PDB file of N, CA and C in Angstrom:
ATOM      1  N   MET A   1       0.726  -1.017   0.138  1.00  0.00           N
ATOM      2  CA  MET A   1       0.335   0.419   0.515  1.00  0.00           C
ATOM      3  C   MET A   1       0.937   1.626  -0.013  1.00  0.00           C
ATOM      4  N   ASN A   2       0.571   2.050  -1.219  1.00  0.00           N
ATOM      5  CA  ASN A   2       1.504   3.592  -0.702  1.00  0.00           C
ATOM      6  C   ASN A   2       0.608   4.323  -0.243  1.00  0.00           C
ATOM      7  N   LEU A   3       1.815   5.257   0.031  1.00  0.00           N
ATOM      8  CA  LEU A   3       0.948   6.446   1.063  1.00  0.00           C
ATOM      9  C   LEU A   3       1.304   7.915  -0.181  1.00  0.00           C
ATOM     10  N   TYR A   4       0.281   8.611   0.044  1.00  0.00           N
ATOM     11  CA  TYR A   4       0.743   9.962  -1.181  1.00  0.00           C
ATOM     12  C   TYR A   4       0.374  11.358  -0.217  1.00  0.00           C
ATOM     13  N   ARG A   5       0.878  12.081  -0.956  1.00  0.00           N
ATOM     14  CA  ARG A   5       1.085  13.407  -0.237  1.00  0.00           C
ATOM     15  C   ARG A   5       0.634  14.094  -1.414  1.00  0.00           C
ATOM     16  N   ILE A   6      -0.608  14.809  -1.126  1.00  0.00           N
ATOM     17  CA  ILE A   6      -1.473  15.127  -2.396  1.00  0.00           C
ATOM     18  C   ILE A   6      -0.661  17.117  -1.708  1.00  0.00           C
ATOM     19  N   GLU A   7      -0.993  17.954  -3.326  1.00  0.00           N
ATOM     20  CA  GLU A   7      -0.598  19.170  -3.442  1.00  0.00           C
ATOM     21  C   GLU A   7      -1.153  20.021  -3.850  1.00  0.00           C
ATOM     22  N   ILE A   8      -1.982  20.908  -3.816  1.00  0.00           N
ATOM     23  CA  ILE A   8      -2.594  21.650  -4.954  1.00  0.00           C
ATOM     24  C   ILE A   8      -2.246  23.173  -4.915  1.00  0.00           C
ATOM     25  N   ASP A   9      -1.850  23.450  -5.852  1.00  0.00           N
ATOM     26  CA  ASP A   9      -1.195  24.999  -6.583  1.00  0.00           C
ATOM     27  C   ASP A   9      -2.638  25.727  -6.851  1.00  0.00           C
ATOM     28  N   ARG A  10      -2.960  26.220  -5.488  1.00  0.00           N
ATOM     29  CA  ARG A  10      -4.326  26.751  -5.194  1.00  0.00           C
ATOM     30  C   ARG A  10      -4.387  28.001  -7.097  1.00  0.00           C
ATOM     31  N   SER A  11      -3.232  28.812  -7.027  1.00  0.00           N
ATOM     32  CA  SER A  11      -3.590  29.497  -7.969  1.00  0.00           C
ATOM     33  C   SER A  11      -3.474  29.311  -9.552  1.00  0.00           C
ATOM     34  N   LEU A  12      -3.003  27.795  -9.692  1.00  0.00           N
ATOM     35  CA  LEU A  12      -3.670  26.799 -11.146  1.00  0.00           C
ATOM     36  C   LEU A  12      -5.000  27.423 -11.021  1.00  0.00           C
ATOM     37  N   CYS A  13      -5.454  26.932  -9.623  1.00  0.00           N
ATOM     38  CA  CYS A  13      -7.067  26.051  -9.783  1.00  0.00           C
ATOM     39  C   CYS A  13      -8.455  27.210 -10.402  1.00  0.00           C
ATOM     40  N   SER A  14      -8.497  26.397 -11.573  1.00  0.00           N
ATOM     41  CA  SER A  14     -10.014  27.229 -11.824  1.00  0.00           C
ATOM     42  C   SER A  14     -11.250  26.773 -10.842  1.00  0.00           C
ATOM     43  N   GLY A  15     -12.010  26.029 -10.421  1.00  0.00           N
ATOM     44  CA  GLY A  15     -12.598  25.269  -9.670  1.00  0.00           C
ATOM     45  C   GLY A  15     -13.483  24.254 -10.156  1.00  0.00           C
ATOM     46  N   PHE A  16     -12.947  23.918 -11.448  1.00  0.00           N
ATOM     47  CA  PHE A  16     -14.225  23.179 -11.787  1.00  0.00           C
ATOM     48  C   PHE A  16     -14.894  21.711 -11.623  1.00  0.00           C
ATOM     49  N   GLY A  17     -14.088  21.602  -9.780  1.00  0.00           N
ATOM     50  CA  GLY A  17     -14.834  20.655  -9.345  1.00  0.00           C
ATOM     51  C   GLY A  17     -14.691  19.188  -9.554  1.00  0.00           C
ATOM     52  N   THR A  18     -14.302  18.793 -10.418  1.00  0.00           N
ATOM     53  CA  THR A  18     -14.197  17.061 -10.990  1.00  0.00           C
ATOM     54  C   THR A  18     -13.166  16.669  -9.365  1.00  0.00           C
ATOM     55  N   CYS A  19     -11.952  17.097  -9.845  1.00  0.00           N
ATOM     56  CA  CYS A  19     -11.571  16.840  -8.300  1.00  0.00           C
ATOM     57  C   CYS A  19     -12.313  16.035  -7.366  1.00  0.00           C
ATOM     58  N   GLU A  20     -13.335  17.037  -6.473  1.00  0.00           N
ATOM     59  CA  GLU A  20     -14.037  17.329  -5.694  1.00  0.00           C
ATOM     60  C   GLU A  20     -14.872  16.164  -5.729  1.00  0.00           C
ATOM     61  N   ASP A  21     -15.172  15.708  -6.788  1.00  0.00           N
ATOM     62  CA  ASP A  21     -16.479  15.535  -7.804  1.00  0.00           C
ATOM     63  C   ASP A  21     -16.268  13.134  -7.498  1.00  0.00           C
ATOM     64  N   LEU A  22     -14.874  13.115  -7.625  1.00  0.00           N
ATOM     65  CA  LEU A  22     -14.244  12.309  -7.338  1.00  0.00           C
ATOM     66  C   LEU A  22     -13.754  11.700  -5.873  1.00  0.00           C
ATOM     67  N   ALA A  23     -13.689  13.206  -5.241  1.00  0.00           N
ATOM     68  CA  ALA A  23     -12.359  12.291  -4.011  1.00  0.00           C
ATOM     69  C   ALA A  23     -12.394  13.724  -2.911  1.00  0.00           C
ATOM     70  N   PRO A  24     -14.602  13.238  -3.008  1.00  0.00           N
ATOM     71  CA  PRO A  24     -15.046  14.620  -2.055  1.00  0.00           C
ATOM     72  C   PRO A  24     -14.204  14.507  -0.249  1.00  0.00           C
ATOM     73  N   HIS A  25     -14.074  13.676   0.029  1.00  0.00           N
ATOM     74  CA  HIS A  25     -13.497  13.074   1.475  1.00  0.00           C
ATOM     75  C   HIS A  25     -11.610  13.714   0.951  1.00  0.00           C
ATOM     76  N   LEU A  26     -11.106  13.705   0.150  1.00  0.00           N
ATOM     77  CA  LEU A  26      -9.984  14.382  -0.286  1.00  0.00           C
ATOM     78  C   LEU A  26      -9.906  15.740   0.435  1.00  0.00           C
ATOM     79  N   ILE A  27     -10.963  16.088  -1.241  1.00  0.00           N
ATOM     80  CA  ILE A  27     -10.289  17.737  -2.061  1.00  0.00           C
ATOM     81  C   ILE A  27     -12.056  18.150  -1.848  1.00  0.00           C
ATOM     82  N   GLN A  28     -11.542  19.218  -1.431  1.00  0.00           N
ATOM     83  CA  GLN A  28     -13.323  20.417  -1.828  1.00  0.00           C
ATOM     84  C   GLN A  28     -13.128  21.458  -2.286  1.00  0.00           C
ATOM     85  N   ILE A  29     -14.382  22.177  -3.331  1.00  0.00           N
ATOM     86  CA  ILE A  29     -13.632  23.826  -3.429  1.00  0.00           C
ATOM     87  C   ILE A  29     -14.799  24.399  -2.149  1.00  0.00           C
ATOM     88  N   ASP A  30     -13.154  25.063  -1.475  1.00  0.00           N
ATOM     89  CA  ASP A  30     -13.858  25.897  -0.879  1.00  0.00           C
ATOM     90  C   ASP A  30     -14.872  27.274  -1.166  1.00  0.00           C
ATOM     91  N   ASP A  31     -15.025  28.199  -0.198  1.00  0.00           N
ATOM     92  CA  ASP A  31     -16.088  29.484  -0.378  1.00  0.00           C
ATOM     93  C   ASP A  31     -15.222  30.512  -1.403  1.00  0.00           C
ATOM     94  N   SER A  32     -14.383  30.454  -1.690  1.00  0.00           N
ATOM     95  CA  SER A  32     -13.300  31.308  -2.088  1.00  0.00           C
ATOM     96  C   SER A  32     -12.938  31.127  -4.290  1.00  0.00           C
ATOM     97  N   GLY A  33     -13.941  29.113  -4.202  1.00  0.00           N
ATOM     98  CA  GLY A  33     -14.472  28.726  -5.635  1.00  0.00           C
ATOM     99  C   GLY A  33     -12.959  28.051  -5.626  1.00  0.00           C
ATOM    100  N   VAL A  34     -12.006  27.682  -5.089  1.00  0.00           N
ATOM    101  CA  VAL A  34     -10.947  26.983  -5.616  1.00  0.00           C
ATOM    102  C   VAL A  34     -10.952  25.473  -4.600  1.00  0.00           C
ATOM    103  N   ALA A  35      -9.737  24.699  -4.717  1.00  0.00           N
ATOM    104  CA  ALA A  35     -10.049  23.779  -4.476  1.00  0.00           C
ATOM    105  C   ALA A  35      -8.702  23.035  -3.088  1.00  0.00           C
ATOM    106  N   ALA A  36      -9.107  23.087  -2.444  1.00  0.00           N
ATOM    107  CA  ALA A  36      -8.315  23.078  -1.142  1.00  0.00           C
ATOM    108  C   ALA A  36      -8.611  21.914  -0.701  1.00  0.00           C
ATOM    109  N   LEU A  37      -7.199  21.043   0.649  1.00  0.00           N
ATOM    110  CA  LEU A  37      -7.727  20.064   0.527  1.00  0.00           C
ATOM    111  C   LEU A  37      -7.904  19.399   2.234  1.00  0.00           C
ATOM    112  N   ARG A  38      -8.824  18.441   2.212  1.00  0.00           N
ATOM    113  CA  ARG A  38      -9.526  18.000   3.666  1.00  0.00           C
ATOM    114  C   ARG A  38      -8.109  17.445   4.008  1.00  0.00           C
ATOM    115  N   VAL A  39      -7.973  15.951   3.631  1.00  0.00           N
ATOM    116  CA  VAL A  39      -6.646  15.612   4.193  1.00  0.00           C
ATOM    117  C   VAL A  39      -5.063  15.860   2.946  1.00  0.00           C
ATOM    118  N   GLY A  40      -4.138  16.234   4.019  1.00  0.00           N
ATOM    119  CA  GLY A  40      -2.599  16.475   2.781  1.00  0.00           C
ATOM    120  C   GLY A  40      -2.221  14.575   2.595  1.00  0.00           C
ATOM    121  N   GLU A  41      -2.404  14.079   3.489  1.00  0.00           N
ATOM    122  CA  GLU A  41      -1.972  12.732   2.794  1.00  0.00           C
ATOM    123  C   GLU A  41      -2.792  11.429   3.248  1.00  0.00           C
ATOM    124  N   THR A  42      -2.692  10.599   2.454  1.00  0.00           N
ATOM    125  CA  THR A  42      -3.841   9.668   1.994  1.00  0.00           C
ATOM    126  C   THR A  42      -3.199   7.954   1.537  1.00  0.00           C
ATOM    127  N   ASP A  43      -3.488   7.270   1.696  1.00  0.00           N
ATOM    128  CA  ASP A  43      -3.544   5.698   0.645  1.00  0.00           C
ATOM    129  C   ASP A  43      -4.509   5.304  -0.042  1.00  0.00           C
ATOM    130  N   ASP A  44      -5.096   6.560  -0.248  1.00  0.00           N
ATOM    131  CA  ASP A  44      -6.519   6.398  -1.578  1.00  0.00           C
ATOM    132  C   ASP A  44      -5.799   6.954  -2.263  1.00  0.00           C
ATOM    133  N   GLU A  45      -6.030   5.478  -3.649  1.00  0.00           N
ATOM    134  CA  GLU A  45      -5.509   6.321  -4.859  1.00  0.00           C
ATOM    135  C   GLU A  45      -6.372   6.661  -5.552  1.00  0.00           C
ATOM    136  N   LEU A  46      -7.681   7.121  -4.986  1.00  0.00           N
ATOM    137  CA  LEU A  46      -8.126   8.457  -5.645  1.00  0.00           C
ATOM    138  C   LEU A  46      -7.780  10.042  -5.431  1.00  0.00           C
ATOM    139  N   ALA A  47      -7.016   9.401  -5.024  1.00  0.00           N
ATOM    140  CA  ALA A  47      -5.684  11.079  -5.018  1.00  0.00           C
ATOM    141  C   ALA A  47      -5.358  11.336  -6.202  1.00  0.00           C
ATOM    142  N   LEU A  48      -4.862   9.908  -7.191  1.00  0.00           N
ATOM    143  CA  LEU A  48      -4.433  10.304  -8.144  1.00  0.00           C
ATOM    144  C   LEU A  48      -5.436  10.269  -9.377  1.00  0.00           C
ATOM    145  N   GLU A  49      -6.339   9.532  -9.070  1.00  0.00           N
ATOM    146  CA  GLU A  49      -7.580   9.841 -10.572  1.00  0.00           C
ATOM    147  C   GLU A  49      -7.939  11.263 -10.418  1.00  0.00           C
ATOM    148  N   ALA A  50      -8.158  11.727  -9.173  1.00  0.00           N
ATOM    149  CA  ALA A  50      -8.070  13.566  -8.949  1.00  0.00           C
ATOM    150  C   ALA A  50      -7.201  14.405  -9.645  1.00  0.00           C
ATOM    151  N   ALA A  51      -6.445  13.792  -9.384  1.00  0.00           N
ATOM    152  CA  ALA A  51      -5.235  14.775  -9.751  1.00  0.00           C
ATOM    153  C   ALA A  51      -4.735  14.380 -11.561  1.00  0.00           C
ATOM    154  N   ALA A  52      -5.453  13.859 -11.820  1.00  0.00           N
ATOM    155  CA  ALA A  52      -5.213  13.529 -13.243  1.00  0.00           C
ATOM    156  C   ALA A  52      -6.758  14.257 -14.381  1.00  0.00           C
ATOM    157  N   SER A  53      -7.800  14.561 -13.551  1.00  0.00           N
ATOM    158  CA  SER A  53      -8.619  15.166 -13.510  1.00  0.00           C
ATOM    159  C   SER A  53      -8.483  16.182 -13.396  1.00  0.00           C
ATOM    160  N   CYS A  54      -7.835  17.098 -13.265  1.00  0.00           N
ATOM    161  CA  CYS A  54      -7.487  18.371 -12.991  1.00  0.00           C
ATOM    162  C   CYS A  54      -6.834  18.733 -14.690  1.00  0.00           C
ATOM    163  N   PRO A  55      -8.101  20.055 -15.339  1.00  0.00           N
ATOM    164  CA  PRO A  55      -7.763  20.125 -16.580  1.00  0.00           C
ATOM    165  C   PRO A  55      -6.442  21.703 -16.007  1.00  0.00           C
ATOM    166  N   MET A  56      -6.187  21.373 -14.806  1.00  0.00           N
ATOM    167  CA  MET A  56      -5.562  22.984 -15.138  1.00  0.00           C
ATOM    168  C   MET A  56      -3.833  22.581 -14.309  1.00  0.00           C
ATOM    169  N   GLY A  57      -4.260  21.034 -14.260  1.00  0.00           N
ATOM    170  CA  GLY A  57      -2.825  21.113 -13.397  1.00  0.00           C
ATOM    171  C   GLY A  57      -2.523  21.357 -12.116  1.00  0.00           C
ATOM    172  N   ALA A  58      -3.445  21.859 -11.382  1.00  0.00           N
ATOM    173  CA  ALA A  58      -3.487  22.486 -10.236  1.00  0.00           C
ATOM    174  C   ALA A  58      -3.024  21.186  -9.144  1.00  0.00           C
ATOM    175  N   ILE A  59      -3.744  19.788  -9.152  1.00  0.00           N
ATOM    176  CA  ILE A  59      -3.150  19.043  -7.878  1.00  0.00           C
ATOM    177  C   ILE A  59      -1.962  18.039  -8.939  1.00  0.00           C
ATOM    178  N   ALA A  60      -1.291  17.720  -7.587  1.00  0.00           N
ATOM    179  CA  ALA A  60       0.114  16.814  -7.668  1.00  0.00           C
ATOM    180  C   ALA A  60       0.129  15.955  -6.858  1.00  0.00           C
ATOM    181  N   VAL A  61       0.579  14.605  -6.802  1.00  0.00           N
ATOM    182  CA  VAL A  61       0.009  14.037  -6.025  1.00  0.00           C
ATOM    183  C   VAL A  61       1.385  13.008  -5.812  1.00  0.00           C
ATOM    184  N   TYR A  62       2.384  13.489  -4.669  1.00  0.00           N
ATOM    185  CA  TYR A  62       3.720  12.184  -4.435  1.00  0.00           C
ATOM    186  C   TYR A  62       3.709  11.328  -3.830  1.00  0.00           C
ATOM    187  N   ASP A  63       4.170   9.404  -3.833  1.00  0.00           N
ATOM    188  CA  ASP A  63       4.479   8.915  -3.259  1.00  0.00           C
ATOM    189  C   ASP A  63       5.352   9.310  -2.202  1.00  0.00           C
ATOM    190  N   LEU A  64       4.947   9.042  -1.058  1.00  0.00           N
ATOM    191  CA  LEU A  64       6.122   9.547   0.146  1.00  0.00           C
ATOM    192  C   LEU A  64       7.134   8.886   0.372  1.00  0.00           C
ATOM    193  N   GLU A  65       6.963   7.386  -0.197  1.00  0.00           N
ATOM    194  CA  GLU A  65       8.545   6.395   0.245  1.00  0.00           C
ATOM    195  C   GLU A  65       9.163   6.961  -0.826  1.00  0.00           C
ATOM    196  N   SER A  66       9.158   7.186  -2.266  1.00  0.00           N
ATOM    197  CA  SER A  66       9.678   7.617  -2.811  1.00  0.00           C
ATOM    198  C   SER A  66      10.319   9.100  -3.470  1.00  0.00           C
ATOM    199  N   GLY A  67       9.406   9.849  -3.082  1.00  0.00           N
ATOM    200  CA  GLY A  67       9.446  10.939  -3.104  1.00  0.00           C
ATOM    201  C   GLY A  67       8.675  11.424  -4.299  1.00  0.00           C
ATOM    202  N   LYS A  68       9.231  10.577  -5.392  1.00  0.00           N
ATOM    203  CA  LYS A  68       8.249  10.484  -6.402  1.00  0.00           C
ATOM    204  C   LYS A  68       7.403  11.067  -7.374  1.00  0.00           C
ATOM    205  N   GLN A  69       6.642  12.230  -7.917  1.00  0.00           N
ATOM    206  CA  GLN A  69       5.510  12.643  -8.418  1.00  0.00           C
ATOM    207  C   GLN A  69       4.510  11.448  -8.996  1.00  0.00           C
ATOM    208  N   ALA A  70       3.961  11.027  -8.497  1.00  0.00           N
ATOM    209  CA  ALA A  70       3.094  10.005  -8.675  1.00  0.00           C
ATOM    210  C   ALA A  70       1.613  10.646  -9.667  1.00  0.00           C
ATOM    211  N   ALA A  71       1.690  11.503  -9.829  1.00  0.00           N
ATOM    212  CA  ALA A  71       0.508  12.431 -10.372  1.00  0.00           C
ATOM    213  C   ALA A  71       0.311  13.729 -10.040  1.00  0.00           C
TER     214      ALA A  71
END
């Protein structure tokens, strides 16, 4: 089981909301209309799907063990 760290570059986010639709327990669209983390680390692979779904490339997911970007 991999453990991931999620990062959001809020300056890139346009608030499409696909990430929240895919992983609402990990990411939310906040009151300012951009993505915000609910959790920073997870073993849930939906984090990878949420990052891949972002049309702006605002979400990055890193494998904590290797430190390499996973999505």
